[in-house]
Amino acid sequence: MPVSACLVDSTALFRLKGLGLIPLMPLLPACQWAGKELLPSESEGFSMISPIERTINDHSLFTGDDFSRPHQILWHKNAYIESIGGWPKPTRKEDLVIIGGGMSGLMSAYLLRDKKPVILEQASRFGGNAKGEAWNGLQYSIGAAYLIKPEQDSGLYKLLKDLGISHDWTIKSGSESNVVINGKLIENFWSGNSEPNHQATYKRLYDYFMSFITEGGNTFPDYPTQDAALRRYINKLDQEDFYSHLERIVGTALPSHLTTLLEHYCYSSFAGSSKEISAAAGINFFAAEFSDVAVFPGGNSYCLSGFPQGLSGNTGYPSRSSSALLKSSTALAGVCTAYFFYAF
């Protein structure tokens, strides 16, 4: 597989990474027939690197992330550099290079599009943790599936409106949580129907999370913050892990199904156990799930597919998929960024 190494000299460098979430309710709107064959930005060229994979056929297997390609070089970086005759000299100069073509990277590129940023993404498709697929016209998410419903005066709502997709969502209440346990559908999970002997514990915990999104309830641990009082409140929550905090709130051990839910959620969102993250981080993520959420067909990949056709390199700002970072270093004129590119 041919691989080439390039060096870019840039005056600014962004490293951005997003986190995916596990939904708490049946997100059927994230798995539905597409209302549009292609978004206006999805030209034939862009579709090859679009966050939505549209070439799935009846015999396709689960795709997911493939780390074997970059690991072949990154785990043997010195040998690879030696094999190409040492670090290459800069071949181009750019005002801005963004490392990572996920939700944060693409959104930043869109907002900074007047800078004509170069986006480097190691995967063959953009999207990061917010990719999707389409099979026979049915779009579905294989990563981040929804957004907390933005207020109409927020920057996120303005962005979605600019992309022309602000009315393509379905609004669902995060508190409407149905789950499947051992092949059986459990409706209204927080009523404790799956563990009737612990219904009081379920209700106490449900009321506790709802208090963070209810006017006059508990203070939501929103961060980063410059407010001294809120910072002290968050610091206190940081002294306790999420799991122990919830057990203290309900005054008893958490039932098995609740424990499983928390573990699945925390590993998906934080790559760690509920016993490893702080109560502040856990509440910040988990309590927000109880508010209204906006679900697009294909999940968050649908949002990313609304970005301009310029991602394909045809117009607007350039981009490179299958391009993994080797090294970035500060230079006299800015930042030197070395990356390797897979030629398929």
C-alpha atoms as a PDB file:
ATOM      1  CA  MET A   1       0.000   0.000   0.000  1.00  0.00           C
ATOM      2  CA  PRO A   2       1.759   3.211  -1.116  1.00  0.00           C
ATOM      3  CA  VAL A   3       2.284   5.769   1.609  1.00  0.00           C
ATOM      4  CA  SER A   4       3.721   9.252   1.271  1.00  0.00           C
ATOM      5  CA  ALA A   5       4.880  11.631   3.986  1.00  0.00           C
ATOM      6  CA  CYS A   6       4.336  15.379   3.804  1.00  0.00           C
ATOM      7  CA  LEU A   7       5.281  18.340   5.945  1.00  0.00           C
ATOM      8  CA  VAL A   8       3.037  21.376   6.248  1.00  0.00           C
ATOM      9  CA  ASP A   9       4.170  24.684   7.724  1.00  0.00           C
ATOM     10  CA  SER A  10       1.210  26.419   9.361  1.00  0.00           C
ATOM     11  CA  THR A  11       0.723  29.416  11.604  1.00  0.00           C
ATOM     12  CA  ALA A  12      -1.952  27.703  13.692  1.00  0.00           C
ATOM     13  CA  LEU A  13      -2.746  24.121  14.622  1.00  0.00           C
ATOM     14  CA  PHE A  14      -5.925  22.711  16.187  1.00  0.00           C
ATOM     15  CA  ARG A  15      -6.193  19.298  17.809  1.00  0.00           C
ATOM     16  CA  LEU A  16      -9.833  18.455  18.364  1.00  0.00           C
ATOM     17  CA  LYS A  17     -11.595  15.341  19.550  1.00  0.00           C
ATOM     18  CA  GLY A  18     -15.277  14.665  20.181  1.00  0.00           C
ATOM     19  CA  LEU A  19     -17.007  12.147  22.385  1.00  0.00           C
ATOM     20  CA  GLY A  20     -19.822   9.861  21.364  1.00  0.00           C
ATOM     21  CA  LEU A  21     -22.828   8.968  23.518  1.00  0.00           C
ATOM     22  CA  ILE A  22     -25.022   5.906  24.022  1.00  0.00           C
ATOM     23  CA  PRO A  23     -28.711   6.872  23.678  1.00  0.00           C
ATOM     24  CA  LEU A  24     -31.117   6.206  26.546  1.00  0.00           C
ATOM     25  CA  MET A  25     -34.239   5.805  24.431  1.00  0.00           C
ATOM     26  CA  PRO A  26     -35.121   4.058  21.142  1.00  0.00           C
ATOM     27  CA  LEU A  27     -33.658   6.505  18.655  1.00  0.00           C
ATOM     28  CA  LEU A  28     -35.579   5.281  15.634  1.00  0.00           C
ATOM     29  CA  PRO A  29     -35.380   8.743  14.015  1.00  0.00           C
ATOM     30  CA  ALA A  30     -31.611   8.151  13.811  1.00  0.00           C
ATOM     31  CA  CYS A  31     -32.344   5.052  11.722  1.00  0.00           C
ATOM     32  CA  GLN A  32     -34.869   5.955   9.032  1.00  0.00           C
ATOM     33  CA  TRP A  33     -35.416   6.484   5.349  1.00  0.00           C
ATOM     34  CA  ALA A  34     -33.580   9.529   4.112  1.00  0.00           C
ATOM     35  CA  GLY A  35     -35.808  12.460   3.260  1.00  0.00           C
ATOM     36  CA  LYS A  36     -33.256  13.516   0.659  1.00  0.00           C
ATOM     37  CA  GLU A  37     -31.199  11.299  -1.609  1.00  0.00           C
ATOM     38  CA  LEU A  38     -28.134  13.468  -1.009  1.00  0.00           C
ATOM     39  CA  LEU A  39     -27.639  16.693   0.853  1.00  0.00           C
ATOM     40  CA  PRO A  40     -26.724  19.559  -1.503  1.00  0.00           C
ATOM     41  CA  SER A  41     -23.086  19.377  -0.378  1.00  0.00           C
ATOM     42  CA  GLU A  42     -22.695  15.694  -1.222  1.00  0.00           C
ATOM     43  CA  SER A  43     -21.299  15.716  -4.722  1.00  0.00           C
ATOM     44  CA  GLU A  44     -19.911  12.536  -6.233  1.00  0.00           C
ATOM     45  CA  GLY A  45     -16.432  13.477  -5.029  1.00  0.00           C
ATOM     46  CA  PHE A  46     -17.512  14.382  -1.523  1.00  0.00           C
ATOM     47  CA  SER A  47     -19.547  11.197  -1.138  1.00  0.00           C
ATOM     48  CA  MET A  48     -16.302   9.200  -1.179  1.00  0.00           C
ATOM     49  CA  ILE A  49     -15.179  10.819   2.086  1.00  0.00           C
ATOM     50  CA  SER A  50     -18.609  11.782   3.479  1.00  0.00           C
ATOM     51  CA  PRO A  51     -19.378  10.856   7.109  1.00  0.00           C
ATOM     52  CA  ILE A  52     -22.231   8.705   5.710  1.00  0.00           C
ATOM     53  CA  GLU A  53     -21.082   5.546   3.930  1.00  0.00           C
ATOM     54  CA  ARG A  54     -23.572   4.998   1.084  1.00  0.00           C
ATOM     55  CA  THR A  55     -21.987   1.976  -0.599  1.00  0.00           C
ATOM     56  CA  ILE A  56     -23.293  -0.641   1.856  1.00  0.00           C
ATOM     57  CA  ASN A  57     -24.686  -3.725   0.123  1.00  0.00           C
ATOM     58  CA  ASP A  58     -26.509  -6.860   1.236  1.00  0.00           C
ATOM     59  CA  HIS A  59     -23.245  -8.651   1.977  1.00  0.00           C
ATOM     60  CA  SER A  60     -21.387  -5.866   3.808  1.00  0.00           C
ATOM     61  CA  LEU A  61     -20.019  -6.527   7.271  1.00  0.00           C
ATOM     62  CA  PHE A  62     -19.814  -4.128  10.198  1.00  0.00           C
ATOM     63  CA  THR A  63     -17.287  -1.450   9.346  1.00  0.00           C
ATOM     64  CA  GLY A  64     -16.474   0.643  12.406  1.00  0.00           C
ATOM     65  CA  ASP A  65     -13.009   2.130  12.937  1.00  0.00           C
ATOM     66  CA  ASP A  66      -9.884   0.605  11.446  1.00  0.00           C
ATOM     67  CA  PHE A  67      -6.739   1.427  13.388  1.00  0.00           C
ATOM     68  CA  SER A  68      -4.491  -1.103  11.673  1.00  0.00           C
ATOM     69  CA  ARG A  69      -3.397   1.312   8.946  1.00  0.00           C
ATOM     70  CA  PRO A  70      -1.984   4.134  11.095  1.00  0.00           C
ATOM     71  CA  HIS A  71      -0.661   1.720  13.741  1.00  0.00           C
ATOM     72  CA  GLN A  72       1.551   0.057  11.142  1.00  0.00           C
ATOM     73  CA  ILE A  73       3.526   3.295  10.943  1.00  0.00           C
ATOM     74  CA  LEU A  74       2.961   5.008  14.302  1.00  0.00           C
ATOM     75  CA  TRP A  75       4.161   1.988  16.274  1.00  0.00           C
ATOM     76  CA  HIS A  76       7.291   1.856  14.123  1.00  0.00           C
ATOM     77  CA  LYS A  77       7.706   5.568  13.477  1.00  0.00           C
ATOM     78  CA  ASN A  78      11.517   5.727  13.567  1.00  0.00           C
ATOM     79  CA  ALA A  79      11.871   2.847  11.128  1.00  0.00           C
ATOM     80  CA  TYR A  80       9.325   4.452   8.818  1.00  0.00           C
ATOM     81  CA  ILE A  81      11.081   7.853   8.878  1.00  0.00           C
ATOM     82  CA  GLU A  82      14.385   6.147   8.140  1.00  0.00           C
ATOM     83  CA  SER A  83      12.812   4.225   5.248  1.00  0.00           C
ATOM     84  CA  ILE A  84      11.782   7.471   3.504  1.00  0.00           C
ATOM     85  CA  GLY A  85      15.164   9.109   4.007  1.00  0.00           C
ATOM     86  CA  GLY A  86      14.400  11.198   7.085  1.00  0.00           C
ATOM     87  CA  TRP A  87      11.860  13.896   7.873  1.00  0.00           C
ATOM     88  CA  PRO A  88      10.640  15.599   4.690  1.00  0.00           C
ATOM     89  CA  LYS A  89      11.011  19.316   4.133  1.00  0.00           C
ATOM     90  CA  PRO A  90       7.879  21.505   4.160  1.00  0.00           C
ATOM     91  CA  THR A  91       6.053  21.274   0.848  1.00  0.00           C
ATOM     92  CA  ARG A  92       3.365  23.895   1.434  1.00  0.00           C
ATOM     93  CA  LYS A  93       2.420  26.718   3.782  1.00  0.00           C
ATOM     94  CA  GLU A  94      -1.076  27.141   5.194  1.00  0.00           C
ATOM     95  CA  ASP A  95      -2.625  29.631   7.599  1.00  0.00           C
ATOM     96  CA  LEU A  96      -4.450  26.943   9.547  1.00  0.00           C
ATOM     97  CA  VAL A  97      -4.232  23.161   9.859  1.00  0.00           C
ATOM     98  CA  ILE A  98      -6.929  21.278  11.777  1.00  0.00           C
ATOM     99  CA  ILE A  99      -6.014  17.818  13.047  1.00  0.00           C
ATOM    100  CA  GLY A 100      -9.083  15.591  13.137  1.00  0.00           C
ATOM    101  CA  GLY A 101     -12.110  15.512  10.849  1.00  0.00           C
ATOM    102  CA  GLY A 102     -14.763  14.627  13.401  1.00  0.00           C
ATOM    103  CA  MET A 103     -17.607  16.794  14.685  1.00  0.00           C
ATOM    104  CA  SER A 104     -15.311  19.344  16.367  1.00  0.00           C
ATOM    105  CA  GLY A 105     -12.840  19.499  13.497  1.00  0.00           C
ATOM    106  CA  LEU A 106     -15.430  19.906  10.747  1.00  0.00           C
ATOM    107  CA  MET A 107     -17.425  22.446  12.727  1.00  0.00           C
ATOM    108  CA  SER A 108     -14.263  24.457  13.398  1.00  0.00           C
ATOM    109  CA  ALA A 109     -13.338  24.291   9.717  1.00  0.00           C
ATOM    110  CA  TYR A 110     -16.778  25.548   8.757  1.00  0.00           C
ATOM    111  CA  LEU A 111     -16.681  28.429  11.232  1.00  0.00           C
ATOM    112  CA  LEU A 112     -13.125  29.325  10.127  1.00  0.00           C
ATOM    113  CA  ARG A 113     -13.732  28.700   6.435  1.00  0.00           C
ATOM    114  CA  ASP A 114     -12.503  32.188   5.534  1.00  0.00           C
ATOM    115  CA  LYS A 115      -9.041  30.973   6.639  1.00  0.00           C
ATOM    116  CA  LYS A 116      -9.172  28.114   4.096  1.00  0.00           C
ATOM    117  CA  PRO A 117      -8.007  25.559   6.692  1.00  0.00           C
ATOM    118  CA  VAL A 118      -6.500  22.227   5.767  1.00  0.00           C
ATOM    119  CA  ILE A 119      -8.183  19.316   7.577  1.00  0.00           C
ATOM    120  CA  LEU A 120      -6.184  16.145   8.210  1.00  0.00           C
ATOM    121  CA  GLU A 121      -8.155  13.012   9.126  1.00  0.00           C
ATOM    122  CA  GLN A 122      -6.519   9.592   9.532  1.00  0.00           C
ATOM    123  CA  ALA A 123      -9.651   7.627   8.594  1.00  0.00           C
ATOM    124  CA  SER A 124     -10.736   7.203   5.000  1.00  0.00           C
ATOM    125  CA  ARG A 125     -13.969   9.045   5.820  1.00  0.00           C
ATOM    126  CA  PHE A 126     -14.648  12.134   7.849  1.00  0.00           C
ATOM    127  CA  GLY A 127     -16.968  12.025  10.847  1.00  0.00           C
ATOM    128  CA  GLY A 128     -14.861  10.673  13.729  1.00  0.00           C
ATOM    129  CA  ASN A 129     -17.242   9.365  16.395  1.00  0.00           C
ATOM    130  CA  ALA A 130     -20.229  10.628  14.396  1.00  0.00           C
ATOM    131  CA  LYS A 131     -20.171   8.454  11.289  1.00  0.00           C
ATOM    132  CA  GLY A 132     -23.218   6.864   9.709  1.00  0.00           C
ATOM    133  CA  GLU A 133     -24.165   4.429   6.987  1.00  0.00           C
ATOM    134  CA  ALA A 134     -26.982   4.035   4.472  1.00  0.00           C
ATOM    135  CA  TRP A 135     -28.357   0.716   3.264  1.00  0.00           C
ATOM    136  CA  ASN A 136     -31.014   0.691   0.549  1.00  0.00           C
ATOM    137  CA  GLY A 137     -31.864   4.299   1.403  1.00  0.00           C
ATOM    138  CA  LEU A 138     -32.074   3.624   5.146  1.00  0.00           C
ATOM    139  CA  GLN A 139     -29.706   5.964   6.979  1.00  0.00           C
ATOM    140  CA  TYR A 140     -28.484   5.018  10.449  1.00  0.00           C
ATOM    141  CA  SER A 141     -25.882   6.159  12.922  1.00  0.00           C
ATOM    142  CA  ILE A 142     -22.937   3.994  13.941  1.00  0.00           C
ATOM    143  CA  GLY A 143     -21.685   6.589  16.438  1.00  0.00           C
ATOM    144  CA  ALA A 144     -23.014   9.733  18.087  1.00  0.00           C
ATOM    145  CA  ALA A 145     -26.725   9.668  17.345  1.00  0.00           C
ATOM    146  CA  TYR A 146     -28.219  12.921  18.612  1.00  0.00           C
ATOM    147  CA  LEU A 147     -27.699  16.419  20.007  1.00  0.00           C
ATOM    148  CA  ILE A 148     -29.151  18.114  23.047  1.00  0.00           C
ATOM    149  CA  LYS A 149     -31.832  20.362  21.520  1.00  0.00           C
ATOM    150  CA  PRO A 150     -30.208  23.778  21.017  1.00  0.00           C
ATOM    151  CA  GLU A 151     -31.916  27.032  21.952  1.00  0.00           C
ATOM    152  CA  GLN A 152     -32.857  29.196  18.973  1.00  0.00           C
ATOM    153  CA  ASP A 153     -30.470  31.947  20.084  1.00  0.00           C
ATOM    154  CA  SER A 154     -27.525  29.543  20.399  1.00  0.00           C
ATOM    155  CA  GLY A 155     -24.552  29.263  18.094  1.00  0.00           C
ATOM    156  CA  LEU A 156     -25.366  25.612  17.382  1.00  0.00           C
ATOM    157  CA  TYR A 157     -28.885  26.404  16.196  1.00  0.00           C
ATOM    158  CA  LYS A 158     -27.545  29.156  13.931  1.00  0.00           C
ATOM    159  CA  LEU A 159     -25.035  26.692  12.483  1.00  0.00           C
ATOM    160  CA  LEU A 160     -27.719  24.063  11.785  1.00  0.00           C
ATOM    161  CA  LYS A 161     -29.884  26.756  10.212  1.00  0.00           C
ATOM    162  CA  ASP A 162     -26.985  27.892   8.021  1.00  0.00           C
ATOM    163  CA  LEU A 163     -26.596  24.297   6.859  1.00  0.00           C
ATOM    164  CA  GLY A 164     -30.310  24.151   6.016  1.00  0.00           C
ATOM    165  CA  ILE A 165     -31.054  21.184   8.304  1.00  0.00           C
ATOM    166  CA  SER A 166     -32.527  22.835  11.408  1.00  0.00           C
ATOM    167  CA  HIS A 167     -35.986  21.419  10.565  1.00  0.00           C
ATOM    168  CA  ASP A 168     -34.840  17.941   9.600  1.00  0.00           C
ATOM    169  CA  TRP A 169     -34.671  16.694  13.172  1.00  0.00           C
ATOM    170  CA  THR A 170     -37.123  14.823  15.377  1.00  0.00           C
ATOM    171  CA  ILE A 171     -37.343  16.016  18.967  1.00  0.00           C
ATOM    172  CA  LYS A 172     -37.447  13.311  21.624  1.00  0.00           C
ATOM    173  CA  SER A 173     -37.657  13.608  25.397  1.00  0.00           C
ATOM    174  CA  GLY A 174     -34.554  12.140  27.008  1.00  0.00           C
ATOM    175  CA  SER A 175     -36.622  10.955  29.959  1.00  0.00           C
ATOM    176  CA  GLU A 176     -38.612   8.593  27.687  1.00  0.00           C
ATOM    177  CA  SER A 177     -36.219   5.696  28.120  1.00  0.00           C
ATOM    178  CA  ASN A 178     -37.027   2.286  26.723  1.00  0.00           C
ATOM    179  CA  VAL A 179     -34.337  -0.391  26.783  1.00  0.00           C
ATOM    180  CA  VAL A 180     -33.873  -3.975  25.661  1.00  0.00           C
ATOM    181  CA  ILE A 181     -32.677  -6.440  28.311  1.00  0.00           C
ATOM    182  CA  ASN A 182     -31.978 -10.052  27.316  1.00  0.00           C
ATOM    183  CA  GLY A 183     -34.018  -9.598  24.154  1.00  0.00           C
ATOM    184  CA  LYS A 184     -37.033  -8.140  25.968  1.00  0.00           C
ATOM    185  CA  LEU A 185     -38.253  -4.577  25.486  1.00  0.00           C
ATOM    186  CA  ILE A 186     -38.559  -2.722  28.802  1.00  0.00           C
ATOM    187  CA  GLU A 187     -40.654   0.408  28.476  1.00  0.00           C
ATOM    188  CA  ASN A 188     -40.159   3.385  30.774  1.00  0.00           C
ATOM    189  CA  PHE A 189     -36.882   2.126  32.204  1.00  0.00           C
ATOM    190  CA  TRP A 190     -36.790   4.728  34.983  1.00  0.00           C
ATOM    191  CA  SER A 191     -40.029   3.423  36.480  1.00  0.00           C
ATOM    192  CA  GLY A 192     -38.022   0.415  37.641  1.00  0.00           C
ATOM    193  CA  ASN A 193     -40.094  -2.074  35.669  1.00  0.00           C
ATOM    194  CA  SER A 194     -37.077  -4.275  35.010  1.00  0.00           C
ATOM    195  CA  GLU A 195     -36.306  -4.564  38.738  1.00  0.00           C
ATOM    196  CA  PRO A 196     -39.604  -4.115  40.632  1.00  0.00           C
ATOM    197  CA  ASN A 197     -37.986  -4.602  44.044  1.00  0.00           C
ATOM    198  CA  HIS A 198     -35.872  -1.477  43.478  1.00  0.00           C
ATOM    199  CA  GLN A 199     -38.475   0.900  42.078  1.00  0.00           C
ATOM    200  CA  ALA A 200     -37.945   3.382  44.921  1.00  0.00           C
ATOM    201  CA  THR A 201     -34.231   3.595  44.061  1.00  0.00           C
ATOM    202  CA  TYR A 202     -35.020   4.181  40.400  1.00  0.00           C
ATOM    203  CA  LYS A 203     -37.418   6.995  41.279  1.00  0.00           C
ATOM    204  CA  ARG A 204     -34.941   8.686  43.631  1.00  0.00           C
ATOM    205  CA  LEU A 205     -32.247   8.619  40.982  1.00  0.00           C
ATOM    206  CA  TYR A 206     -34.602   9.773  38.232  1.00  0.00           C
ATOM    207  CA  ASP A 207     -35.782  12.706  40.360  1.00  0.00           C
ATOM    208  CA  TYR A 208     -32.167  13.553  41.164  1.00  0.00           C
ATOM    209  CA  PHE A 209     -31.113  13.789  37.502  1.00  0.00           C
ATOM    210  CA  MET A 210     -34.259  15.700  36.565  1.00  0.00           C
ATOM    211  CA  SER A 211     -33.494  18.256  39.281  1.00  0.00           C
ATOM    212  CA  PHE A 212     -30.455  19.424  37.281  1.00  0.00           C
ATOM    213  CA  ILE A 213     -32.536  20.407  34.258  1.00  0.00           C
ATOM    214  CA  THR A 214     -35.566  21.737  36.162  1.00  0.00           C
ATOM    215  CA  GLU A 215     -35.835  25.415  37.011  1.00  0.00           C
ATOM    216  CA  GLY A 216     -35.164  25.921  40.696  1.00  0.00           C
ATOM    217  CA  GLY A 217     -33.502  22.513  41.042  1.00  0.00           C
ATOM    218  CA  ASN A 218     -29.891  21.530  41.640  1.00  0.00           C
ATOM    219  CA  THR A 219     -27.136  23.582  40.057  1.00  0.00           C
ATOM    220  CA  PHE A 220     -25.964  22.044  36.807  1.00  0.00           C
ATOM    221  CA  PRO A 221     -22.167  21.518  36.882  1.00  0.00           C
ATOM    222  CA  ASP A 222     -21.514  23.397  33.654  1.00  0.00           C
ATOM    223  CA  TYR A 223     -17.861  23.840  32.796  1.00  0.00           C
ATOM    224  CA  PRO A 224     -15.491  25.395  31.944  1.00  0.00           C
ATOM    225  CA  THR A 225     -16.565  28.324  34.078  1.00  0.00           C
ATOM    226  CA  GLN A 226     -15.124  31.595  35.367  1.00  0.00           C
ATOM    227  CA  ASP A 227     -17.691  31.765  38.191  1.00  0.00           C
ATOM    228  CA  ALA A 228     -15.847  31.243  41.486  1.00  0.00           C
ATOM    229  CA  ALA A 229     -18.846  29.791  43.349  1.00  0.00           C
ATOM    230  CA  LEU A 230     -19.642  27.351  40.553  1.00  0.00           C
ATOM    231  CA  ARG A 231     -15.980  26.364  40.354  1.00  0.00           C
ATOM    232  CA  ARG A 232     -15.957  25.520  44.088  1.00  0.00           C
ATOM    233  CA  TYR A 233     -19.136  23.470  43.609  1.00  0.00           C
ATOM    234  CA  ILE A 234     -17.572  21.544  40.735  1.00  0.00           C
ATOM    235  CA  ASN A 235     -14.339  21.038  42.658  1.00  0.00           C
ATOM    236  CA  LYS A 236     -16.334  19.446  45.473  1.00  0.00           C
ATOM    237  CA  LEU A 237     -18.066  17.092  43.055  1.00  0.00           C
ATOM    238  CA  ASP A 238     -14.668  16.248  41.602  1.00  0.00           C
ATOM    239  CA  GLN A 239     -13.640  14.759  44.950  1.00  0.00           C
ATOM    240  CA  GLU A 240     -16.056  11.858  44.512  1.00  0.00           C
ATOM    241  CA  ASP A 241     -16.441   9.329  41.713  1.00  0.00           C
ATOM    242  CA  PHE A 242     -19.741   9.241  39.836  1.00  0.00           C
ATOM    243  CA  TYR A 243     -20.814   5.774  40.999  1.00  0.00           C
ATOM    244  CA  SER A 244     -20.119   6.406  44.705  1.00  0.00           C
ATOM    245  CA  HIS A 245     -21.845   9.773  44.470  1.00  0.00           C
ATOM    246  CA  LEU A 246     -25.049   8.192  43.150  1.00  0.00           C
ATOM    247  CA  GLU A 247     -24.992   5.481  45.804  1.00  0.00           C
ATOM    248  CA  ARG A 248     -24.697   8.170  48.453  1.00  0.00           C
ATOM    249  CA  ILE A 249     -27.610  10.094  46.934  1.00  0.00           C
ATOM    250  CA  VAL A 250     -29.969   7.085  46.960  1.00  0.00           C
ATOM    251  CA  GLY A 251     -28.610   5.723  50.249  1.00  0.00           C
ATOM    252  CA  THR A 252     -28.159   2.164  49.024  1.00  0.00           C
ATOM    253  CA  ALA A 253     -26.304   0.005  46.501  1.00  0.00           C
ATOM    254  CA  LEU A 254     -27.391   0.565  42.910  1.00  0.00           C
ATOM    255  CA  PRO A 255     -29.453  -2.234  41.307  1.00  0.00           C
ATOM    256  CA  SER A 256     -27.714  -4.349  38.671  1.00  0.00           C
ATOM    257  CA  HIS A 257     -29.532  -2.909  35.656  1.00  0.00           C
ATOM    258  CA  LEU A 258     -28.775   0.648  36.723  1.00  0.00           C
ATOM    259  CA  THR A 259     -25.144  -0.281  37.249  1.00  0.00           C
ATOM    260  CA  THR A 260     -24.973  -1.833  33.784  1.00  0.00           C
ATOM    261  CA  LEU A 261     -26.546   1.238  32.206  1.00  0.00           C
ATOM    262  CA  LEU A 262     -24.056   3.559  33.906  1.00  0.00           C
ATOM    263  CA  GLU A 263     -21.084   1.415  32.917  1.00  0.00           C
ATOM    264  CA  HIS A 264     -22.150   1.193  29.276  1.00  0.00           C
ATOM    265  CA  TYR A 265     -22.772   4.916  29.165  1.00  0.00           C
ATOM    266  CA  CYS A 266     -19.516   5.922  30.845  1.00  0.00           C
ATOM    267  CA  TYR A 267     -17.344   3.604  28.781  1.00  0.00           C
ATOM    268  CA  SER A 268     -18.963   4.954  25.622  1.00  0.00           C
ATOM    269  CA  SER A 269     -18.681   8.607  26.637  1.00  0.00           C
ATOM    270  CA  PHE A 270     -15.473   8.673  28.683  1.00  0.00           C
ATOM    271  CA  ALA A 271     -13.717   5.384  27.848  1.00  0.00           C
ATOM    272  CA  GLY A 272     -13.810   4.627  31.548  1.00  0.00           C
ATOM    273  CA  SER A 273     -15.939   3.208  34.352  1.00  0.00           C
ATOM    274  CA  SER A 274     -18.421   5.230  36.396  1.00  0.00           C
ATOM    275  CA  LYS A 275     -16.043   4.500  39.284  1.00  0.00           C
ATOM    276  CA  GLU A 276     -13.204   6.221  37.455  1.00  0.00           C
ATOM    277  CA  ILE A 277     -14.782   9.533  36.437  1.00  0.00           C
ATOM    278  CA  SER A 278     -15.741  12.326  38.776  1.00  0.00           C
ATOM    279  CA  ALA A 279     -19.294  13.083  39.856  1.00  0.00           C
ATOM    280  CA  ALA A 280     -19.030  16.488  38.165  1.00  0.00           C
ATOM    281  CA  ALA A 281     -18.183  14.939  34.785  1.00  0.00           C
ATOM    282  CA  GLY A 282     -20.814  12.223  35.142  1.00  0.00           C
ATOM    283  CA  ILE A 283     -23.624  14.611  36.066  1.00  0.00           C
ATOM    284  CA  ASN A 284     -22.583  17.079  33.362  1.00  0.00           C
ATOM    285  CA  PHE A 285     -23.078  14.418  30.694  1.00  0.00           C
ATOM    286  CA  PHE A 286     -25.734  12.126  32.093  1.00  0.00           C
ATOM    287  CA  ALA A 287     -28.198  14.677  33.486  1.00  0.00           C
ATOM    288  CA  ALA A 288     -28.255  16.503  30.146  1.00  0.00           C
ATOM    289  CA  GLU A 289     -29.622  13.308  28.583  1.00  0.00           C
ATOM    290  CA  PHE A 290     -32.923  13.856  30.415  1.00  0.00           C
ATOM    291  CA  SER A 291     -33.682  17.047  28.482  1.00  0.00           C
ATOM    292  CA  ASP A 292     -35.044  17.223  24.938  1.00  0.00           C
ATOM    293  CA  VAL A 293     -32.747  15.813  22.277  1.00  0.00           C
ATOM    294  CA  ALA A 294     -32.646  16.472  18.527  1.00  0.00           C
ATOM    295  CA  VAL A 295     -32.286  13.358  16.364  1.00  0.00           C
ATOM    296  CA  PHE A 296     -31.453  13.478  12.651  1.00  0.00           C
ATOM    297  CA  PRO A 297     -31.859  10.644  10.118  1.00  0.00           C
ATOM    298  CA  GLY A 298     -28.453   9.018  10.292  1.00  0.00           C
ATOM    299  CA  GLY A 299     -27.677  10.639  13.630  1.00  0.00           C
ATOM    300  CA  ASN A 300     -24.958  13.274  13.867  1.00  0.00           C
ATOM    301  CA  SER A 301     -23.396  12.074  10.615  1.00  0.00           C
ATOM    302  CA  TYR A 302     -26.333  13.796   8.896  1.00  0.00           C
ATOM    303  CA  CYS A 303     -25.246  17.121  10.425  1.00  0.00           C
ATOM    304  CA  LEU A 304     -21.668  16.659   9.237  1.00  0.00           C
ATOM    305  CA  SER A 305     -22.837  15.772   5.734  1.00  0.00           C
ATOM    306  CA  GLY A 306     -24.364  19.232   5.564  1.00  0.00           C
ATOM    307  CA  PHE A 307     -20.949  20.873   5.489  1.00  0.00           C
ATOM    308  CA  PRO A 308     -19.883  22.404   2.180  1.00  0.00           C
ATOM    309  CA  GLN A 309     -18.648  20.438  -0.752  1.00  0.00           C
ATOM    310  CA  GLY A 310     -15.282  22.100  -0.172  1.00  0.00           C
ATOM    311  CA  LEU A 311     -14.364  19.179   2.090  1.00  0.00           C
ATOM    312  CA  SER A 312     -13.677  17.141  -1.038  1.00  0.00           C
ATOM    313  CA  GLY A 313     -11.015  19.602  -2.130  1.00  0.00           C
ATOM    314  CA  ASN A 314     -12.980  20.666  -5.201  1.00  0.00           C
ATOM    315  CA  THR A 315     -13.897  24.112  -3.897  1.00  0.00           C
ATOM    316  CA  GLY A 316     -13.552  26.034  -0.665  1.00  0.00           C
ATOM    317  CA  TYR A 317     -11.128  24.807   1.959  1.00  0.00           C
ATOM    318  CA  PRO A 318      -9.012  21.723   1.159  1.00  0.00           C
ATOM    319  CA  SER A 319      -9.017  18.520   3.153  1.00  0.00           C
ATOM    320  CA  ARG A 320      -7.208  15.203   3.312  1.00  0.00           C
ATOM    321  CA  SER A 321      -8.698  11.984   4.569  1.00  0.00           C
ATOM    322  CA  SER A 322      -6.448   8.941   5.152  1.00  0.00           C
ATOM    323  CA  SER A 323      -3.854  11.385   6.501  1.00  0.00           C
ATOM    324  CA  ALA A 324      -2.530  10.644   9.990  1.00  0.00           C
ATOM    325  CA  LEU A 325      -0.399  13.008  12.042  1.00  0.00           C
ATOM    326  CA  LEU A 326       3.240  12.028  12.544  1.00  0.00           C
ATOM    327  CA  LYS A 327       4.558  15.067  14.367  1.00  0.00           C
ATOM    328  CA  SER A 328       3.831  18.726  14.989  1.00  0.00           C
ATOM    329  CA  SER A 329       6.500  21.099  16.244  1.00  0.00           C
ATOM    330  CA  THR A 330       6.798  24.831  16.828  1.00  0.00           C
ATOM    331  CA  ALA A 331       8.929  26.620  14.250  1.00  0.00           C
ATOM    332  CA  LEU A 332      10.068  30.215  13.912  1.00  0.00           C
ATOM    333  CA  ALA A 333       7.275  31.061  11.477  1.00  0.00           C
ATOM    334  CA  GLY A 334       4.562  28.943  13.047  1.00  0.00           C
ATOM    335  CA  VAL A 335       3.904  25.212  13.444  1.00  0.00           C
ATOM    336  CA  CYS A 336       5.362  22.426  11.295  1.00  0.00           C
ATOM    337  CA  THR A 337       2.998  19.514  10.851  1.00  0.00           C
ATOM    338  CA  ALA A 338       4.166  16.211   9.414  1.00  0.00           C
ATOM    339  CA  TYR A 339       1.624  13.622   8.275  1.00  0.00           C
ATOM    340  CA  PHE A 340       1.488  10.536   6.110  1.00  0.00           C
ATOM    341  CA  PHE A 341      -1.066   9.893   3.405  1.00  0.00           C
ATOM    342  CA  TYR A 342      -2.379   6.520   2.265  1.00  0.00           C
ATOM    343  CA  ALA A 343      -2.800   6.172  -1.482  1.00  0.00           C
ATOM    344  CA  PHE A 344      -5.476   3.583  -2.310  1.00  0.00           C
END
